[in-house]
Amino acid sequence: MITRFRVATLIFTLVMIIASGTVFFRWAEGWSWLDAYFFTVVTLSTVGYGSLVPATALGKIGTTVFIILGLGVFAVAIQQFGVFAMRKREEHVEWLIGRLEKPSKPANADTNPSDSDTVNKP
Protein backbone atom coordinates (compact mmCIF):
# COMPACT_ATOMS: atom_id res chain seq x y z
CA MET A 1 0.00 0.00 0.00
CA ILE A 2 2.84 2.38 0.81
CA THR A 3 4.46 1.62 -2.54
CA ARG A 4 1.31 2.57 -4.45
CA PHE A 5 1.01 5.78 -2.46
CA ARG A 6 4.67 6.60 -3.10
CA VAL A 7 4.33 5.98 -6.85
CA ALA A 8 1.10 7.98 -7.04
CA THR A 9 2.70 10.87 -5.17
CA LEU A 10 5.73 10.79 -7.42
CA ILE A 11 3.67 10.77 -10.61
CA PHE A 12 1.45 13.55 -9.28
CA THR A 13 4.53 15.64 -8.42
CA LEU A 14 6.01 15.13 -11.88
CA VAL A 15 2.74 16.10 -13.55
CA MET A 16 2.50 19.22 -11.37
CA ILE A 17 6.09 20.24 -12.14
CA ILE A 18 5.50 19.85 -15.88
CA ALA A 19 2.13 21.63 -15.72
CA SER A 20 3.48 24.53 -13.66
CA GLY A 21 6.50 24.90 -15.95
CA THR A 22 4.24 24.92 -19.00
CA VAL A 23 1.95 27.57 -17.50
CA PHE A 24 4.91 29.67 -16.34
CA PHE A 25 6.64 29.71 -19.72
CA ARG A 26 3.37 30.40 -21.52
CA TRP A 27 2.84 33.40 -19.24
CA ALA A 28 6.44 34.68 -18.93
CA GLU A 29 7.59 34.17 -22.52
CA GLY A 30 4.28 34.32 -24.38
CA TRP A 31 4.94 30.99 -26.09
CA SER A 32 2.19 28.71 -27.35
CA TRP A 33 1.04 25.91 -25.06
CA LEU A 34 2.91 23.38 -27.18
CA ASP A 35 6.15 25.37 -27.18
CA ALA A 36 5.92 25.98 -23.42
CA TYR A 37 5.29 22.27 -22.78
CA PHE A 38 8.09 21.26 -25.14
CA PHE A 39 10.57 23.61 -23.46
CA THR A 40 9.50 22.36 -20.03
CA VAL A 41 10.03 18.70 -20.89
CA VAL A 42 13.28 19.31 -22.78
CA THR A 43 14.66 21.36 -19.89
CA LEU A 44 13.51 18.93 -17.22
CA SER A 45 14.97 15.93 -19.03
CA THR A 46 18.28 17.79 -19.55
CA VAL A 47 18.14 17.29 -23.33
CA GLY A 48 18.27 21.01 -24.11
CA TYR A 49 17.80 21.22 -27.89
CA GLY A 50 18.28 24.99 -27.87
CA SER A 51 15.45 25.62 -30.31
CA LEU A 52 13.62 27.63 -27.64
CA VAL A 53 15.46 30.00 -25.34
CA PRO A 54 13.91 32.35 -22.76
CA ALA A 55 14.28 35.95 -23.89
CA THR A 56 12.98 37.82 -20.83
CA ALA A 57 14.79 38.24 -17.53
CA LEU A 58 11.85 36.66 -15.71
CA GLY A 59 11.98 33.69 -18.09
CA LYS A 60 15.71 33.22 -17.51
CA ILE A 61 15.40 33.41 -13.72
CA GLY A 62 12.34 31.15 -13.80
CA THR A 63 14.28 28.64 -15.92
CA THR A 64 17.12 28.44 -13.42
CA VAL A 65 14.72 27.92 -10.52
CA PHE A 66 12.77 25.39 -12.58
CA ILE A 67 15.97 23.47 -13.40
CA ILE A 68 17.05 23.29 -9.76
CA LEU A 69 13.63 22.19 -8.47
CA GLY A 70 12.65 20.11 -11.46
CA LEU A 71 15.86 18.13 -11.73
CA GLY A 72 15.64 17.20 -8.08
CA VAL A 73 12.12 15.85 -8.51
CA PHE A 74 13.05 14.17 -11.79
CA ALA A 75 16.09 12.49 -10.21
CA VAL A 76 14.03 11.20 -7.29
CA ALA A 77 11.43 9.85 -9.74
CA ILE A 78 14.04 7.95 -11.73
CA GLN A 79 15.64 6.63 -8.53
CA GLN A 80 12.29 5.43 -7.17
CA PHE A 81 11.38 3.68 -10.40
CA GLY A 82 14.81 2.02 -10.33
CA VAL A 83 14.24 0.83 -6.76
CA PHE A 84 10.83 -0.54 -7.78
CA ALA A 85 12.34 -2.48 -10.71
CA MET A 86 15.15 -3.80 -8.51
CA ARG A 87 12.69 -5.01 -5.85
CA LYS A 88 10.62 -6.82 -8.48
CA ARG A 89 13.76 -8.51 -9.79
CA GLU A 90 14.82 -9.53 -6.27
CA GLU A 91 11.35 -11.01 -5.64
CA HIS A 92 11.58 -12.98 -8.85
CA VAL A 93 15.06 -14.30 -7.99
CA GLU A 94 13.88 -15.32 -4.52
CA TRP A 95 10.91 -17.11 -6.08
CA LEU A 96 13.25 -18.96 -8.46
CA ILE A 97 15.62 -19.96 -5.66
CA GLY A 98 12.71 -21.12 -3.52
CA ARG A 99 11.45 -23.21 -6.38
CA LEU A 100 14.88 -24.79 -6.91
CA GLU A 101 15.32 -25.64 -3.24
CA LYS A 102 12.08 -27.62 -2.97
CA PRO A 103 12.77 -31.36 -3.11
CA SER A 104 10.98 -32.83 -6.03
CA LYS A 105 10.73 -36.30 -7.46
CA PRO A 106 13.44 -36.75 -10.05
CA ALA A 107 12.31 -37.41 -13.58
CA ASN A 108 14.70 -40.35 -13.95
CA ALA A 109 15.21 -42.18 -10.68
CA ASP A 110 17.54 -45.15 -10.45
CA THR A 111 15.94 -47.80 -8.29
CA ASN A 112 17.25 -51.12 -7.15
CA PRO A 113 15.12 -53.94 -8.59
CA SER A 114 15.63 -55.99 -5.43
CA ASP A 115 13.77 -53.32 -3.44
CA SER A 116 10.65 -53.84 -5.49
CA ASP A 117 7.76 -55.96 -4.18
CA THR A 118 7.06 -57.33 -7.63
CA VAL A 119 10.17 -59.47 -7.65
CA ASN A 120 9.48 -63.13 -6.72
CA LYS A 121 11.23 -64.01 -3.53
CA PRO A 122 12.17 -67.68 -2.93
C-alpha atoms as a PDB file:
ATOM      1  CA  MET A   1       0.000   0.000   0.000  1.00  0.00           C
ATOM      2  CA  ILE A   2       2.842   2.377   0.812  1.00  0.00           C
ATOM      3  CA  THR A   3       4.462   1.622  -2.544  1.00  0.00           C
ATOM      4  CA  ARG A   4       1.305   2.575  -4.448  1.00  0.00           C
ATOM      5  CA  PHE A   5       1.007   5.783  -2.464  1.00  0.00           C
ATOM      6  CA  ARG A   6       4.667   6.603  -3.101  1.00  0.00           C
ATOM      7  CA  VAL A   7       4.334   5.976  -6.849  1.00  0.00           C
ATOM      8  CA  ALA A   8       1.103   7.983  -7.044  1.00  0.00           C
ATOM      9  CA  THR A   9       2.699  10.871  -5.169  1.00  0.00           C
ATOM     10  CA  LEU A  10       5.728  10.786  -7.418  1.00  0.00           C
ATOM     11  CA  ILE A  11       3.665  10.769 -10.610  1.00  0.00           C
ATOM     12  CA  PHE A  12       1.451  13.554  -9.280  1.00  0.00           C
ATOM     13  CA  THR A  13       4.530  15.638  -8.418  1.00  0.00           C
ATOM     14  CA  LEU A  14       6.012  15.135 -11.881  1.00  0.00           C
ATOM     15  CA  VAL A  15       2.739  16.097 -13.547  1.00  0.00           C
ATOM     16  CA  MET A  16       2.495  19.217 -11.373  1.00  0.00           C
ATOM     17  CA  ILE A  17       6.095  20.241 -12.136  1.00  0.00           C
ATOM     18  CA  ILE A  18       5.502  19.848 -15.881  1.00  0.00           C
ATOM     19  CA  ALA A  19       2.133  21.632 -15.715  1.00  0.00           C
ATOM     20  CA  SER A  20       3.483  24.529 -13.659  1.00  0.00           C
ATOM     21  CA  GLY A  21       6.500  24.903 -15.950  1.00  0.00           C
ATOM     22  CA  THR A  22       4.238  24.917 -18.998  1.00  0.00           C
ATOM     23  CA  VAL A  23       1.949  27.566 -17.502  1.00  0.00           C
ATOM     24  CA  PHE A  24       4.905  29.669 -16.344  1.00  0.00           C
ATOM     25  CA  PHE A  25       6.642  29.713 -19.723  1.00  0.00           C
ATOM     26  CA  ARG A  26       3.370  30.401 -21.517  1.00  0.00           C
ATOM     27  CA  TRP A  27       2.845  33.405 -19.241  1.00  0.00           C
ATOM     28  CA  ALA A  28       6.439  34.684 -18.932  1.00  0.00           C
ATOM     29  CA  GLU A  29       7.592  34.170 -22.520  1.00  0.00           C
ATOM     30  CA  GLY A  30       4.278  34.321 -24.385  1.00  0.00           C
ATOM     31  CA  TRP A  31       4.943  30.992 -26.092  1.00  0.00           C
ATOM     32  CA  SER A  32       2.189  28.711 -27.350  1.00  0.00           C
ATOM     33  CA  TRP A  33       1.044  25.911 -25.061  1.00  0.00           C
ATOM     34  CA  LEU A  34       2.907  23.381 -27.185  1.00  0.00           C
ATOM     35  CA  ASP A  35       6.152  25.368 -27.177  1.00  0.00           C
ATOM     36  CA  ALA A  36       5.924  25.977 -23.422  1.00  0.00           C
ATOM     37  CA  TYR A  37       5.286  22.272 -22.779  1.00  0.00           C
ATOM     38  CA  PHE A  38       8.089  21.260 -25.140  1.00  0.00           C
ATOM     39  CA  PHE A  39      10.568  23.611 -23.463  1.00  0.00           C
ATOM     40  CA  THR A  40       9.504  22.356 -20.028  1.00  0.00           C
ATOM     41  CA  VAL A  41      10.033  18.695 -20.889  1.00  0.00           C
ATOM     42  CA  VAL A  42      13.277  19.309 -22.780  1.00  0.00           C
ATOM     43  CA  THR A  43      14.659  21.358 -19.888  1.00  0.00           C
ATOM     44  CA  LEU A  44      13.507  18.925 -17.219  1.00  0.00           C
ATOM     45  CA  SER A  45      14.971  15.927 -19.030  1.00  0.00           C
ATOM     46  CA  THR A  46      18.284  17.792 -19.549  1.00  0.00           C
ATOM     47  CA  VAL A  47      18.140  17.294 -23.328  1.00  0.00           C
ATOM     48  CA  GLY A  48      18.268  21.015 -24.111  1.00  0.00           C
ATOM     49  CA  TYR A  49      17.800  21.218 -27.886  1.00  0.00           C
ATOM     50  CA  GLY A  50      18.283  24.986 -27.867  1.00  0.00           C
ATOM     51  CA  SER A  51      15.453  25.616 -30.305  1.00  0.00           C
ATOM     52  CA  LEU A  52      13.617  27.627 -27.644  1.00  0.00           C
ATOM     53  CA  VAL A  53      15.456  30.003 -25.337  1.00  0.00           C
ATOM     54  CA  PRO A  54      13.911  32.349 -22.760  1.00  0.00           C
ATOM     55  CA  ALA A  55      14.279  35.953 -23.886  1.00  0.00           C
ATOM     56  CA  THR A  56      12.982  37.822 -20.832  1.00  0.00           C
ATOM     57  CA  ALA A  57      14.793  38.244 -17.526  1.00  0.00           C
ATOM     58  CA  LEU A  58      11.846  36.658 -15.715  1.00  0.00           C
ATOM     59  CA  GLY A  59      11.976  33.686 -18.088  1.00  0.00           C
ATOM     60  CA  LYS A  60      15.708  33.221 -17.512  1.00  0.00           C
ATOM     61  CA  ILE A  61      15.400  33.414 -13.722  1.00  0.00           C
ATOM     62  CA  GLY A  62      12.345  31.149 -13.805  1.00  0.00           C
ATOM     63  CA  THR A  63      14.279  28.642 -15.919  1.00  0.00           C
ATOM     64  CA  THR A  64      17.120  28.439 -13.417  1.00  0.00           C
ATOM     65  CA  VAL A  65      14.718  27.920 -10.523  1.00  0.00           C
ATOM     66  CA  PHE A  66      12.773  25.393 -12.579  1.00  0.00           C
ATOM     67  CA  ILE A  67      15.969  23.472 -13.399  1.00  0.00           C
ATOM     68  CA  ILE A  68      17.049  23.292  -9.757  1.00  0.00           C
ATOM     69  CA  LEU A  69      13.632  22.193  -8.470  1.00  0.00           C
ATOM     70  CA  GLY A  70      12.645  20.107 -11.458  1.00  0.00           C
ATOM     71  CA  LEU A  71      15.861  18.131 -11.735  1.00  0.00           C
ATOM     72  CA  GLY A  72      15.640  17.202  -8.075  1.00  0.00           C
ATOM     73  CA  VAL A  73      12.124  15.848  -8.510  1.00  0.00           C
ATOM     74  CA  PHE A  74      13.045  14.169 -11.792  1.00  0.00           C
ATOM     75  CA  ALA A  75      16.093  12.491 -10.209  1.00  0.00           C
ATOM     76  CA  VAL A  76      14.027  11.196  -7.295  1.00  0.00           C
ATOM     77  CA  ALA A  77      11.429   9.854  -9.735  1.00  0.00           C
ATOM     78  CA  ILE A  78      14.039   7.947 -11.730  1.00  0.00           C
ATOM     79  CA  GLN A  79      15.638   6.627  -8.531  1.00  0.00           C
ATOM     80  CA  GLN A  80      12.294   5.430  -7.165  1.00  0.00           C
ATOM     81  CA  PHE A  81      11.379   3.677 -10.398  1.00  0.00           C
ATOM     82  CA  GLY A  82      14.810   2.016 -10.328  1.00  0.00           C
ATOM     83  CA  VAL A  83      14.235   0.827  -6.763  1.00  0.00           C
ATOM     84  CA  PHE A  84      10.829  -0.538  -7.782  1.00  0.00           C
ATOM     85  CA  ALA A  85      12.335  -2.480 -10.707  1.00  0.00           C
ATOM     86  CA  MET A  86      15.150  -3.795  -8.510  1.00  0.00           C
ATOM     87  CA  ARG A  87      12.690  -5.010  -5.853  1.00  0.00           C
ATOM     88  CA  LYS A  88      10.623  -6.817  -8.481  1.00  0.00           C
ATOM     89  CA  ARG A  89      13.765  -8.506  -9.793  1.00  0.00           C
ATOM     90  CA  GLU A  90      14.815  -9.534  -6.269  1.00  0.00           C
ATOM     91  CA  GLU A  91      11.353 -11.006  -5.636  1.00  0.00           C
ATOM     92  CA  HIS A  92      11.584 -12.978  -8.853  1.00  0.00           C
ATOM     93  CA  VAL A  93      15.058 -14.296  -7.993  1.00  0.00           C
ATOM     94  CA  GLU A  94      13.879 -15.320  -4.517  1.00  0.00           C
ATOM     95  CA  TRP A  95      10.912 -17.111  -6.085  1.00  0.00           C
ATOM     96  CA  LEU A  96      13.246 -18.961  -8.460  1.00  0.00           C
ATOM     97  CA  ILE A  97      15.623 -19.957  -5.663  1.00  0.00           C
ATOM     98  CA  GLY A  98      12.714 -21.124  -3.520  1.00  0.00           C
ATOM     99  CA  ARG A  99      11.453 -23.209  -6.376  1.00  0.00           C
ATOM    100  CA  LEU A 100      14.880 -24.787  -6.912  1.00  0.00           C
ATOM    101  CA  GLU A 101      15.317 -25.637  -3.239  1.00  0.00           C
ATOM    102  CA  LYS A 102      12.081 -27.620  -2.966  1.00  0.00           C
ATOM    103  CA  PRO A 103      12.770 -31.359  -3.115  1.00  0.00           C
ATOM    104  CA  SER A 104      10.982 -32.832  -6.032  1.00  0.00           C
ATOM    105  CA  LYS A 105      10.732 -36.300  -7.457  1.00  0.00           C
ATOM    106  CA  PRO A 106      13.445 -36.749 -10.047  1.00  0.00           C
ATOM    107  CA  ALA A 107      12.309 -37.409 -13.578  1.00  0.00           C
ATOM    108  CA  ASN A 108      14.704 -40.348 -13.952  1.00  0.00           C
ATOM    109  CA  ALA A 109      15.209 -42.180 -10.682  1.00  0.00           C
ATOM    110  CA  ASP A 110      17.543 -45.147 -10.450  1.00  0.00           C
ATOM    111  CA  THR A 111      15.942 -47.802  -8.293  1.00  0.00           C
ATOM    112  CA  ASN A 112      17.247 -51.118  -7.148  1.00  0.00           C
ATOM    113  CA  PRO A 113      15.122 -53.938  -8.586  1.00  0.00           C
ATOM    114  CA  SER A 114      15.626 -55.988  -5.428  1.00  0.00           C
ATOM    115  CA  ASP A 115      13.775 -53.319  -3.438  1.00  0.00           C
ATOM    116  CA  SER A 116      10.650 -53.836  -5.493  1.00  0.00           C
ATOM    117  CA  ASP A 117       7.759 -55.960  -4.184  1.00  0.00           C
ATOM    118  CA  THR A 118       7.059 -57.334  -7.630  1.00  0.00           C
ATOM    119  CA  VAL A 119      10.173 -59.472  -7.654  1.00  0.00           C
ATOM    120  CA  ASN A 120       9.476 -63.127  -6.717  1.00  0.00           C
ATOM    121  CA  LYS A 121      11.225 -64.013  -3.532  1.00  0.00           C
ATOM    122  CA  PRO A 122      12.172 -67.682  -2.931  1.00  0.00           C
END
